[in-house]
Amino acid sequence: MSDIPRLNGVIKALEQGQTAFVAFTPVDIENAVHAPLDFPGLRNALQFMLDRGQIVERSTLAPAVTPMVRIPPNGIEMNSWIAKQVLDIGVFGIIFPHVSSVEEAANAVSACRYPRLVSAPRYQPPGIRGDAPARAARYWGLAQQEYYRRADVWPLAPDGEILVIIQCEETRAIDNLPRMLKEVPGIGVVLIGEGDLSQELGYPRDYDHPAVAEAINNILRICKEHNVPCGHPHPDAKNIERLVASGFRFLMPSSPRTFGVLEQGRKLSGRN
């Protein structure tokens, strides 16, 4: 293990058995609003999220806010090139929407890993990320060789700093989820896509409908059975206590209610 402490605050919370609270906001320079992916805008936003005073005060390279990105769907399009672009900018995790098969899940993890020999430890899923670490290493504050070592997916690599989050938002995805979690190491979080899932079930955004609630509970149950954190994208003041008690470990309220809900969730989980 490296003597450099954990950089990814979300992974730090998860590996300590805590609930991770994640703000879902559009990315622009001013408030770092959900908008089409803009690589220059993302790069600028990440720079504005850094606080040099905080780095000095806390004596750590770990950013106070861990930047992650939701990219366009990784289903039939297999957007590995977009994963490479955002990782090369310096993000610590990627949310892959509409992952519904073992093949799609494996591609998501592979897109976040550098290639290695078949004989190397933890070879599967094989890495397909192209080499261009300079900007990301600089953003992380690491030498390139240390970046290479840390730029792997957690928990497959115990000291990896990259979090792969797959969204489960189709009934097909629920059917295939046990196989995905069994056969694809490196999935860090399964995030429920309630909106699209409820659409397919015929009850758009009626999250309390028994059919929708049953599907959500099935996803949570499968994640618990495979010891993979499950995430919920719509916590609010009314349901966050229930979600924390139910065992959701990755809570991502959307703007503008983000900060009040995050504070409420932290108090419920006993975190500062």
C-alpha atoms as a PDB file:
ATOM      1  CA  MET A   1       0.000   0.000   0.000  1.00  0.00           C
ATOM      2  CA  SER A   2       1.112   3.552  -0.708  1.00  0.00           C
ATOM      3  CA  ASP A   3       1.793   6.032   2.074  1.00  0.00           C
ATOM      4  CA  ILE A   4      -0.397   8.515   0.182  1.00  0.00           C
ATOM      5  CA  PRO A   5      -3.791   8.542   1.936  1.00  0.00           C
ATOM      6  CA  ARG A   6      -7.083   7.768   0.219  1.00  0.00           C
ATOM      7  CA  LEU A   7      -7.931  10.487  -2.335  1.00  0.00           C
ATOM      8  CA  ASN A   8     -11.464   9.472  -3.315  1.00  0.00           C
ATOM      9  CA  GLY A   9     -13.767  10.593  -0.498  1.00  0.00           C
ATOM     10  CA  VAL A  10     -16.702   8.508  -1.745  1.00  0.00           C
ATOM     11  CA  ILE A  11     -14.626   5.332  -1.748  1.00  0.00           C
ATOM     12  CA  LYS A  12     -13.304   6.257   1.684  1.00  0.00           C
ATOM     13  CA  ALA A  13     -16.850   6.419   3.060  1.00  0.00           C
ATOM     14  CA  LEU A  14     -17.896   3.157   1.402  1.00  0.00           C
ATOM     15  CA  GLU A  15     -14.882   1.124   2.503  1.00  0.00           C
ATOM     16  CA  GLN A  16     -15.478   2.325   6.071  1.00  0.00           C
ATOM     17  CA  GLY A  17     -19.051   1.033   5.923  1.00  0.00           C
ATOM     18  CA  GLN A  18     -20.555   4.503   5.853  1.00  0.00           C
ATOM     19  CA  THR A  19     -23.178   6.039   3.577  1.00  0.00           C
ATOM     20  CA  ALA A  20     -21.803   8.251   0.810  1.00  0.00           C
ATOM     21  CA  PHE A  21     -23.747  11.453   0.153  1.00  0.00           C
ATOM     22  CA  VAL A  22     -23.257  12.765  -3.366  1.00  0.00           C
ATOM     23  CA  ALA A  23     -24.493  16.030  -4.873  1.00  0.00           C
ATOM     24  CA  PHE A  24     -25.934  15.731  -8.392  1.00  0.00           C
ATOM     25  CA  THR A  25     -25.617  19.134 -10.034  1.00  0.00           C
ATOM     26  CA  PRO A  26     -25.091  20.566 -13.499  1.00  0.00           C
ATOM     27  CA  VAL A  27     -21.430  21.167 -14.165  1.00  0.00           C
ATOM     28  CA  ASP A  28     -20.414  24.682 -14.981  1.00  0.00           C
ATOM     29  CA  ILE A  29     -17.788  27.067 -13.676  1.00  0.00           C
ATOM     30  CA  GLU A  30     -20.180  28.848 -11.350  1.00  0.00           C
ATOM     31  CA  ASN A  31     -21.614  25.987  -9.345  1.00  0.00           C
ATOM     32  CA  ALA A  32     -19.536  22.967 -10.423  1.00  0.00           C
ATOM     33  CA  VAL A  33     -26.546  22.403 -13.924  1.00  0.00           C
ATOM     34  CA  HIS A  34     -27.069  19.004 -15.614  1.00  0.00           C
ATOM     35  CA  ALA A  35     -26.248  19.755 -19.244  1.00  0.00           C
ATOM     36  CA  PRO A  36     -24.792  18.085 -22.336  1.00  0.00           C
ATOM     37  CA  LEU A  37     -21.247  16.883 -21.776  1.00  0.00           C
ATOM     38  CA  ASP A  38     -18.734  19.660 -22.378  1.00  0.00           C
ATOM     39  CA  PHE A  39     -15.102  18.602 -22.000  1.00  0.00           C
ATOM     40  CA  PRO A  40     -13.596  22.133 -21.695  1.00  0.00           C
ATOM     41  CA  GLY A  41     -16.382  23.066 -19.268  1.00  0.00           C
ATOM     42  CA  LEU A  42     -15.691  19.963 -17.197  1.00  0.00           C
ATOM     43  CA  ARG A  43     -11.982  20.729 -17.090  1.00  0.00           C
ATOM     44  CA  ASN A  44     -12.657  24.293 -15.936  1.00  0.00           C
ATOM     45  CA  ALA A  45     -15.197  23.146 -13.364  1.00  0.00           C
ATOM     46  CA  LEU A  46     -12.721  20.719 -11.819  1.00  0.00           C
ATOM     47  CA  GLN A  47     -10.155  23.487 -11.440  1.00  0.00           C
ATOM     48  CA  PHE A  48     -12.669  25.771  -9.757  1.00  0.00           C
ATOM     49  CA  MET A  49     -13.612  22.984  -7.335  1.00  0.00           C
ATOM     50  CA  LEU A  50     -10.066  22.858  -5.947  1.00  0.00           C
ATOM     51  CA  ASP A  51      -9.322  24.921  -2.851  1.00  0.00           C
ATOM     52  CA  ARG A  52      -5.619  25.442  -2.228  1.00  0.00           C
ATOM     53  CA  GLY A  53      -6.308  26.723   1.261  1.00  0.00           C
ATOM     54  CA  GLN A  54      -8.178  23.545   2.105  1.00  0.00           C
ATOM     55  CA  ILE A  55      -5.315  21.421   0.785  1.00  0.00           C
ATOM     56  CA  VAL A  56      -2.842  23.239   3.018  1.00  0.00           C
ATOM     57  CA  GLU A  57      -5.149  23.299   6.049  1.00  0.00           C
ATOM     58  CA  ARG A  58      -5.983  19.585   5.890  1.00  0.00           C
ATOM     59  CA  SER A  59      -2.489  18.533   4.776  1.00  0.00           C
ATOM     60  CA  THR A  60      -3.909  16.147   2.198  1.00  0.00           C
ATOM     61  CA  LEU A  61      -4.155  15.929  -1.573  1.00  0.00           C
ATOM     62  CA  ALA A  62      -7.675  14.503  -1.224  1.00  0.00           C
ATOM     63  CA  PRO A  63     -10.125  17.101  -2.572  1.00  0.00           C
ATOM     64  CA  ALA A  64     -12.930  18.225  -0.270  1.00  0.00           C
ATOM     65  CA  VAL A  65     -15.339  17.424  -3.121  1.00  0.00           C
ATOM     66  CA  THR A  66     -14.715  14.229  -5.096  1.00  0.00           C
ATOM     67  CA  PRO A  67     -15.580  14.967  -8.757  1.00  0.00           C
ATOM     68  CA  MET A  68     -17.428  12.271 -10.682  1.00  0.00           C
ATOM     69  CA  VAL A  69     -19.221  12.422 -14.032  1.00  0.00           C
ATOM     70  CA  ARG A  70     -22.342  10.839 -15.499  1.00  0.00           C
ATOM     71  CA  ILE A  71     -21.565  10.152 -19.150  1.00  0.00           C
ATOM     72  CA  PRO A  72     -23.951   9.288 -22.009  1.00  0.00           C
ATOM     73  CA  PRO A  73     -25.350   5.739 -21.985  1.00  0.00           C
ATOM     74  CA  ASN A  74     -22.843   2.925 -22.175  1.00  0.00           C
ATOM     75  CA  GLY A  75     -25.243   0.401 -23.694  1.00  0.00           C
ATOM     76  CA  ILE A  76     -25.168  -0.412 -27.389  1.00  0.00           C
ATOM     77  CA  GLU A  77     -23.063   2.708 -28.053  1.00  0.00           C
ATOM     78  CA  MET A  78     -20.178   1.501 -25.827  1.00  0.00           C
ATOM     79  CA  ASN A  79     -18.909   5.002 -25.073  1.00  0.00           C
ATOM     80  CA  SER A  80     -15.462   3.946 -23.916  1.00  0.00           C
ATOM     81  CA  TRP A  81     -13.860   6.954 -25.581  1.00  0.00           C
ATOM     82  CA  ILE A  82     -15.918   9.325 -23.434  1.00  0.00           C
ATOM     83  CA  ALA A  83     -14.849   7.464 -20.302  1.00  0.00           C
ATOM     84  CA  LYS A  84     -11.215   7.940 -21.337  1.00  0.00           C
ATOM     85  CA  GLN A  85     -11.697  11.657 -21.961  1.00  0.00           C
ATOM     86  CA  VAL A  86     -13.233  12.411 -18.568  1.00  0.00           C
ATOM     87  CA  LEU A  87     -10.749  10.207 -16.716  1.00  0.00           C
ATOM     88  CA  ASP A  88      -7.879  11.963 -18.463  1.00  0.00           C
ATOM     89  CA  ILE A  89      -9.268  15.276 -17.209  1.00  0.00           C
ATOM     90  CA  GLY A  90      -9.042  13.973 -13.651  1.00  0.00           C
ATOM     91  CA  VAL A  91     -12.404  12.702 -12.404  1.00  0.00           C
ATOM     92  CA  PHE A  92     -12.464  10.044  -9.692  1.00  0.00           C
ATOM     93  CA  GLY A  93     -15.520   8.124 -10.861  1.00  0.00           C
ATOM     94  CA  ILE A  94     -17.981   7.604 -13.684  1.00  0.00           C
ATOM     95  CA  ILE A  95     -21.709   6.897 -13.637  1.00  0.00           C
ATOM     96  CA  PHE A  96     -22.615   4.673 -16.600  1.00  0.00           C
ATOM     97  CA  PRO A  97     -26.360   4.892 -17.432  1.00  0.00           C
ATOM     98  CA  HIS A  98     -28.442   2.035 -18.824  1.00  0.00           C
ATOM     99  CA  VAL A  99     -26.103  -0.847 -18.067  1.00  0.00           C
ATOM    100  CA  SER A 100     -28.279  -3.908 -18.508  1.00  0.00           C
ATOM    101  CA  SER A 101     -26.064  -6.874 -19.399  1.00  0.00           C
ATOM    102  CA  VAL A 102     -22.863  -8.585 -18.346  1.00  0.00           C
ATOM    103  CA  GLU A 103     -21.181  -7.379 -21.537  1.00  0.00           C
ATOM    104  CA  GLU A 104     -22.158  -3.760 -20.896  1.00  0.00           C
ATOM    105  CA  ALA A 105     -21.045  -3.936 -17.272  1.00  0.00           C
ATOM    106  CA  ALA A 106     -17.693  -5.432 -18.253  1.00  0.00           C
ATOM    107  CA  ASN A 107     -17.168  -2.716 -20.845  1.00  0.00           C
ATOM    108  CA  ALA A 108     -17.852  -0.029 -18.247  1.00  0.00           C
ATOM    109  CA  VAL A 109     -15.193  -1.421 -15.921  1.00  0.00           C
ATOM    110  CA  SER A 110     -12.731  -2.078 -18.750  1.00  0.00           C
ATOM    111  CA  ALA A 111     -13.086   1.507 -19.969  1.00  0.00           C
ATOM    112  CA  CYS A 112     -11.758   2.707 -16.617  1.00  0.00           C
ATOM    113  CA  ARG A 113      -8.676   0.437 -16.532  1.00  0.00           C
ATOM    114  CA  TYR A 114      -5.327   0.550 -18.273  1.00  0.00           C
ATOM    115  CA  PRO A 115      -4.289  -2.554 -20.266  1.00  0.00           C
ATOM    116  CA  ARG A 116      -2.067  -5.167 -18.635  1.00  0.00           C
ATOM    117  CA  LEU A 117      -0.715  -8.596 -19.461  1.00  0.00           C
ATOM    118  CA  VAL A 118      -3.005 -11.588 -19.040  1.00  0.00           C
ATOM    119  CA  SER A 119      -0.565 -12.894 -16.439  1.00  0.00           C
ATOM    120  CA  ALA A 120      -0.865  -9.733 -14.316  1.00  0.00           C
ATOM    121  CA  PRO A 121      -2.852  -9.811 -11.059  1.00  0.00           C
ATOM    122  CA  ARG A 122      -6.493  -8.751 -11.291  1.00  0.00           C
ATOM    123  CA  TYR A 123      -6.461  -8.946 -15.093  1.00  0.00           C
ATOM    124  CA  GLN A 124     -10.230  -9.287 -15.531  1.00  0.00           C
ATOM    125  CA  PRO A 125     -12.002  -7.286 -16.828  1.00  0.00           C
ATOM    126  CA  PRO A 126      -9.168  -6.405 -19.240  1.00  0.00           C
ATOM    127  CA  GLY A 127      -8.339  -2.716 -19.436  1.00  0.00           C
ATOM    128  CA  ILE A 128      -8.931  -0.753 -22.633  1.00  0.00           C
ATOM    129  CA  ARG A 129      -8.214   2.804 -21.459  1.00  0.00           C
ATOM    130  CA  GLY A 130      -5.697   4.572 -23.674  1.00  0.00           C
ATOM    131  CA  ASP A 131      -2.550   6.139 -22.246  1.00  0.00           C
ATOM    132  CA  ALA A 132      -2.580   9.899 -21.585  1.00  0.00           C
ATOM    133  CA  PRO A 133      -2.193  10.477 -17.838  1.00  0.00           C
ATOM    134  CA  ALA A 134      -0.509  13.897 -17.658  1.00  0.00           C
ATOM    135  CA  ARG A 135      -3.525  16.097 -16.898  1.00  0.00           C
ATOM    136  CA  ALA A 136      -5.174  13.623 -14.548  1.00  0.00           C
ATOM    137  CA  ALA A 137      -1.969  13.006 -12.612  1.00  0.00           C
ATOM    138  CA  ARG A 138      -1.448  16.740 -12.232  1.00  0.00           C
ATOM    139  CA  TYR A 139      -5.018  17.212 -11.010  1.00  0.00           C
ATOM    140  CA  TRP A 140      -4.625  14.405  -8.487  1.00  0.00           C
ATOM    141  CA  GLY A 141      -1.292  15.850  -7.375  1.00  0.00           C
ATOM    142  CA  LEU A 142       0.641  12.665  -8.108  1.00  0.00           C
ATOM    143  CA  ALA A 143       3.668  11.710 -10.149  1.00  0.00           C
ATOM    144  CA  GLN A 144       2.647   9.821 -13.283  1.00  0.00           C
ATOM    145  CA  GLN A 145       3.896   6.435 -12.075  1.00  0.00           C
ATOM    146  CA  GLU A 146       1.981   6.811  -8.808  1.00  0.00           C
ATOM    147  CA  TYR A 147      -1.085   7.887 -10.795  1.00  0.00           C
ATOM    148  CA  TYR A 148      -0.831   4.731 -12.914  1.00  0.00           C
ATOM    149  CA  ARG A 149      -0.776   2.657  -9.737  1.00  0.00           C
ATOM    150  CA  ARG A 150      -3.732   4.415  -8.135  1.00  0.00           C
ATOM    151  CA  ALA A 151      -5.804   4.832 -11.320  1.00  0.00           C
ATOM    152  CA  ASP A 152      -7.577   1.499 -11.085  1.00  0.00           C
ATOM    153  CA  VAL A 153     -11.096   0.569 -10.063  1.00  0.00           C
ATOM    154  CA  TRP A 154     -12.154  -0.030  -6.484  1.00  0.00           C
ATOM    155  CA  PRO A 155     -12.826  -2.490  -4.897  1.00  0.00           C
ATOM    156  CA  LEU A 156     -11.152  -4.768  -7.458  1.00  0.00           C
ATOM    157  CA  ALA A 157      -7.927  -2.898  -6.735  1.00  0.00           C
ATOM    158  CA  PRO A 158      -7.983  -2.272  -2.956  1.00  0.00           C
ATOM    159  CA  ASP A 159      -6.128   1.045  -3.232  1.00  0.00           C
ATOM    160  CA  GLY A 160      -7.712   2.061  -6.541  1.00  0.00           C
ATOM    161  CA  GLU A 161      -9.195   5.546  -6.614  1.00  0.00           C
ATOM    162  CA  ILE A 162     -11.656   5.192  -9.515  1.00  0.00           C
ATOM    163  CA  LEU A 163     -15.281   4.353  -8.766  1.00  0.00           C
ATOM    164  CA  VAL A 164     -17.385   2.622 -11.429  1.00  0.00           C
ATOM    165  CA  ILE A 165     -21.088   3.224 -10.897  1.00  0.00           C
ATOM    166  CA  ILE A 166     -23.569   1.418 -13.133  1.00  0.00           C
ATOM    167  CA  GLN A 167     -27.185   2.527 -13.382  1.00  0.00           C
ATOM    168  CA  CYS A 168     -29.849  -0.160 -13.192  1.00  0.00           C
ATOM    169  CA  GLU A 169     -32.892   1.366 -14.880  1.00  0.00           C
ATOM    170  CA  GLU A 170     -34.580  -1.393 -16.887  1.00  0.00           C
ATOM    171  CA  THR A 171     -36.308  -4.640 -15.981  1.00  0.00           C
ATOM    172  CA  ARG A 172     -33.756  -6.414 -18.180  1.00  0.00           C
ATOM    173  CA  ALA A 173     -31.032  -4.939 -16.011  1.00  0.00           C
ATOM    174  CA  ILE A 174     -32.687  -6.295 -12.853  1.00  0.00           C
ATOM    175  CA  ASP A 175     -32.916  -9.759 -14.410  1.00  0.00           C
ATOM    176  CA  ASN A 176     -29.215  -9.661 -15.310  1.00  0.00           C
ATOM    177  CA  LEU A 177     -27.965  -7.900 -12.179  1.00  0.00           C
ATOM    178  CA  PRO A 178     -27.030 -11.053 -10.223  1.00  0.00           C
ATOM    179  CA  ARG A 179     -24.812 -12.217 -13.095  1.00  0.00           C
ATOM    180  CA  MET A 180     -23.309  -8.751 -13.546  1.00  0.00           C
ATOM    181  CA  LEU A 181     -22.306  -8.529  -9.898  1.00  0.00           C
ATOM    182  CA  LYS A 182     -21.029 -12.119  -9.837  1.00  0.00           C
ATOM    183  CA  GLU A 183     -19.125 -12.105 -13.133  1.00  0.00           C
ATOM    184  CA  VAL A 184     -17.818  -8.526 -13.399  1.00  0.00           C
ATOM    185  CA  PRO A 185     -15.407  -7.527 -10.628  1.00  0.00           C
ATOM    186  CA  GLY A 186     -14.802  -3.823 -10.251  1.00  0.00           C
ATOM    187  CA  ILE A 187     -18.369  -2.533 -10.027  1.00  0.00           C
ATOM    188  CA  GLY A 188     -18.265  -0.111  -7.105  1.00  0.00           C
ATOM    189  CA  VAL A 189     -21.912   0.998  -6.858  1.00  0.00           C
ATOM    190  CA  VAL A 190     -25.233   0.086  -8.473  1.00  0.00           C
ATOM    191  CA  LEU A 191     -27.340   3.232  -8.815  1.00  0.00           C
ATOM    192  CA  ILE A 192     -31.077   2.776  -9.338  1.00  0.00           C
ATOM    193  CA  GLY A 193     -32.528   4.705 -12.278  1.00  0.00           C
ATOM    194  CA  GLU A 194     -36.014   5.214 -10.886  1.00  0.00           C
ATOM    195  CA  GLY A 195     -37.255   7.508 -13.630  1.00  0.00           C
ATOM    196  CA  ASP A 196     -36.675   5.246 -16.620  1.00  0.00           C
ATOM    197  CA  LEU A 197     -37.525   2.132 -14.625  1.00  0.00           C
ATOM    198  CA  SER A 198     -40.889   3.538 -13.575  1.00  0.00           C
ATOM    199  CA  GLN A 199     -41.564   4.554 -17.204  1.00  0.00           C
ATOM    200  CA  GLU A 200     -41.016   1.003 -18.425  1.00  0.00           C
ATOM    201  CA  LEU A 201     -43.223  -0.389 -15.669  1.00  0.00           C
ATOM    202  CA  GLY A 202     -46.025   1.928 -16.760  1.00  0.00           C
ATOM    203  CA  TYR A 203     -46.070   4.203 -13.713  1.00  0.00           C
ATOM    204  CA  PRO A 204     -43.886   7.189 -14.652  1.00  0.00           C
ATOM    205  CA  ARG A 205     -42.263   8.752 -11.571  1.00  0.00           C
ATOM    206  CA  ASP A 206     -44.851   7.102  -9.309  1.00  0.00           C
ATOM    207  CA  TYR A 207     -42.117   5.810  -7.062  1.00  0.00           C
ATOM    208  CA  ASP A 208     -44.507   4.647  -4.350  1.00  0.00           C
ATOM    209  CA  HIS A 209     -46.513   2.416  -6.688  1.00  0.00           C
ATOM    210  CA  PRO A 210     -46.205  -1.206  -5.521  1.00  0.00           C
ATOM    211  CA  ALA A 211     -44.742  -2.373  -8.846  1.00  0.00           C
ATOM    212  CA  VAL A 212     -42.056   0.326  -8.815  1.00  0.00           C
ATOM    213  CA  ALA A 213     -41.312  -0.145  -5.123  1.00  0.00           C
ATOM    214  CA  GLU A 214     -40.954  -3.906  -5.629  1.00  0.00           C
ATOM    215  CA  ALA A 215     -38.478  -3.408  -8.477  1.00  0.00           C
ATOM    216  CA  ILE A 216     -36.427  -0.985  -6.375  1.00  0.00           C
ATOM    217  CA  ASN A 217     -36.419  -3.364  -3.427  1.00  0.00           C
ATOM    218  CA  ASN A 218     -35.291  -6.206  -5.688  1.00  0.00           C
ATOM    219  CA  ILE A 219     -32.286  -4.181  -6.844  1.00  0.00           C
ATOM    220  CA  LEU A 220     -31.368  -3.323  -3.254  1.00  0.00           C
ATOM    221  CA  ARG A 221     -31.732  -6.971  -2.202  1.00  0.00           C
ATOM    222  CA  ILE A 222     -29.502  -8.233  -5.029  1.00  0.00           C
ATOM    223  CA  CYS A 223     -26.838  -5.647  -4.195  1.00  0.00           C
ATOM    224  CA  LYS A 224     -26.850  -6.674  -0.538  1.00  0.00           C
ATOM    225  CA  GLU A 225     -26.547 -10.347  -1.496  1.00  0.00           C
ATOM    226  CA  HIS A 226     -23.404  -9.536  -3.500  1.00  0.00           C
ATOM    227  CA  ASN A 227     -22.031  -6.999  -1.017  1.00  0.00           C
ATOM    228  CA  VAL A 228     -22.093  -4.141  -3.537  1.00  0.00           C
ATOM    229  CA  PRO A 229     -23.303  -0.717  -2.357  1.00  0.00           C
ATOM    230  CA  CYS A 230     -26.671   0.305  -3.779  1.00  0.00           C
ATOM    231  CA  GLY A 231     -27.455   3.910  -4.639  1.00  0.00           C
ATOM    232  CA  HIS A 232     -30.678   5.902  -4.717  1.00  0.00           C
ATOM    233  CA  PRO A 233     -31.001   9.016  -6.922  1.00  0.00           C
ATOM    234  CA  HIS A 234     -34.012  10.697  -5.327  1.00  0.00           C
ATOM    235  CA  PRO A 235     -33.579  11.066  -1.583  1.00  0.00           C
ATOM    236  CA  ASP A 236     -35.527  13.936  -0.089  1.00  0.00           C
ATOM    237  CA  ALA A 237     -36.610  15.193   3.317  1.00  0.00           C
ATOM    238  CA  LYS A 238     -39.525  12.724   3.370  1.00  0.00           C
ATOM    239  CA  ASN A 239     -37.725   9.511   2.479  1.00  0.00           C
ATOM    240  CA  ILE A 240     -34.073   9.896   3.428  1.00  0.00           C
ATOM    241  CA  GLU A 241     -34.485   8.393   6.892  1.00  0.00           C
ATOM    242  CA  ARG A 242     -36.150   5.313   5.381  1.00  0.00           C
ATOM    243  CA  LEU A 243     -33.492   5.015   2.671  1.00  0.00           C
ATOM    244  CA  VAL A 244     -30.627   5.132   5.155  1.00  0.00           C
ATOM    245  CA  ALA A 245     -32.363   2.587   7.401  1.00  0.00           C
ATOM    246  CA  SER A 246     -33.061   0.316   4.407  1.00  0.00           C
ATOM    247  CA  GLY A 247     -29.378   0.072   3.597  1.00  0.00           C
ATOM    248  CA  PHE A 248     -28.865   2.387   0.648  1.00  0.00           C
ATOM    249  CA  ARG A 249     -25.224   3.460   0.839  1.00  0.00           C
ATOM    250  CA  PHE A 250     -24.933   5.972  -2.011  1.00  0.00           C
ATOM    251  CA  LEU A 251     -27.497   8.782  -1.871  1.00  0.00           C
ATOM    252  CA  MET A 252     -27.563  11.364  -4.643  1.00  0.00           C
ATOM    253  CA  PRO A 253     -30.239  14.070  -4.299  1.00  0.00           C
ATOM    254  CA  SER A 254     -30.653  16.351  -7.276  1.00  0.00           C
ATOM    255  CA  SER A 255     -30.379  20.123  -7.234  1.00  0.00           C
ATOM    256  CA  PRO A 256     -31.822  22.387  -5.866  1.00  0.00           C
ATOM    257  CA  ARG A 257     -32.653  20.321  -2.757  1.00  0.00           C
ATOM    258  CA  THR A 258     -29.189  18.816  -2.626  1.00  0.00           C
ATOM    259  CA  PHE A 259     -27.501  20.512   0.287  1.00  0.00           C
ATOM    260  CA  GLY A 260     -30.356  20.416   2.792  1.00  0.00           C
ATOM    261  CA  VAL A 261     -30.951  16.731   2.118  1.00  0.00           C
ATOM    262  CA  LEU A 262     -27.234  15.955   2.332  1.00  0.00           C
ATOM    263  CA  GLU A 263     -27.010  17.650   5.713  1.00  0.00           C
ATOM    264  CA  GLN A 264     -30.057  15.768   6.957  1.00  0.00           C
ATOM    265  CA  GLY A 265     -28.593  12.488   5.736  1.00  0.00           C
ATOM    266  CA  ARG A 266     -25.260  13.108   7.418  1.00  0.00           C
ATOM    267  CA  LYS A 267     -26.990  13.707  10.741  1.00  0.00           C
ATOM    268  CA  LEU A 268     -29.025  10.514  10.377  1.00  0.00           C
ATOM    269  CA  SER A 269     -25.904   8.478   9.716  1.00  0.00           C
ATOM    270  CA  GLY A 270     -23.956  10.106  12.532  1.00  0.00           C
ATOM    271  CA  ARG A 271     -21.413  11.751  10.227  1.00  0.00           C
ATOM    272  CA  ASN A 272     -19.993  15.233  10.627  1.00  0.00           C
END
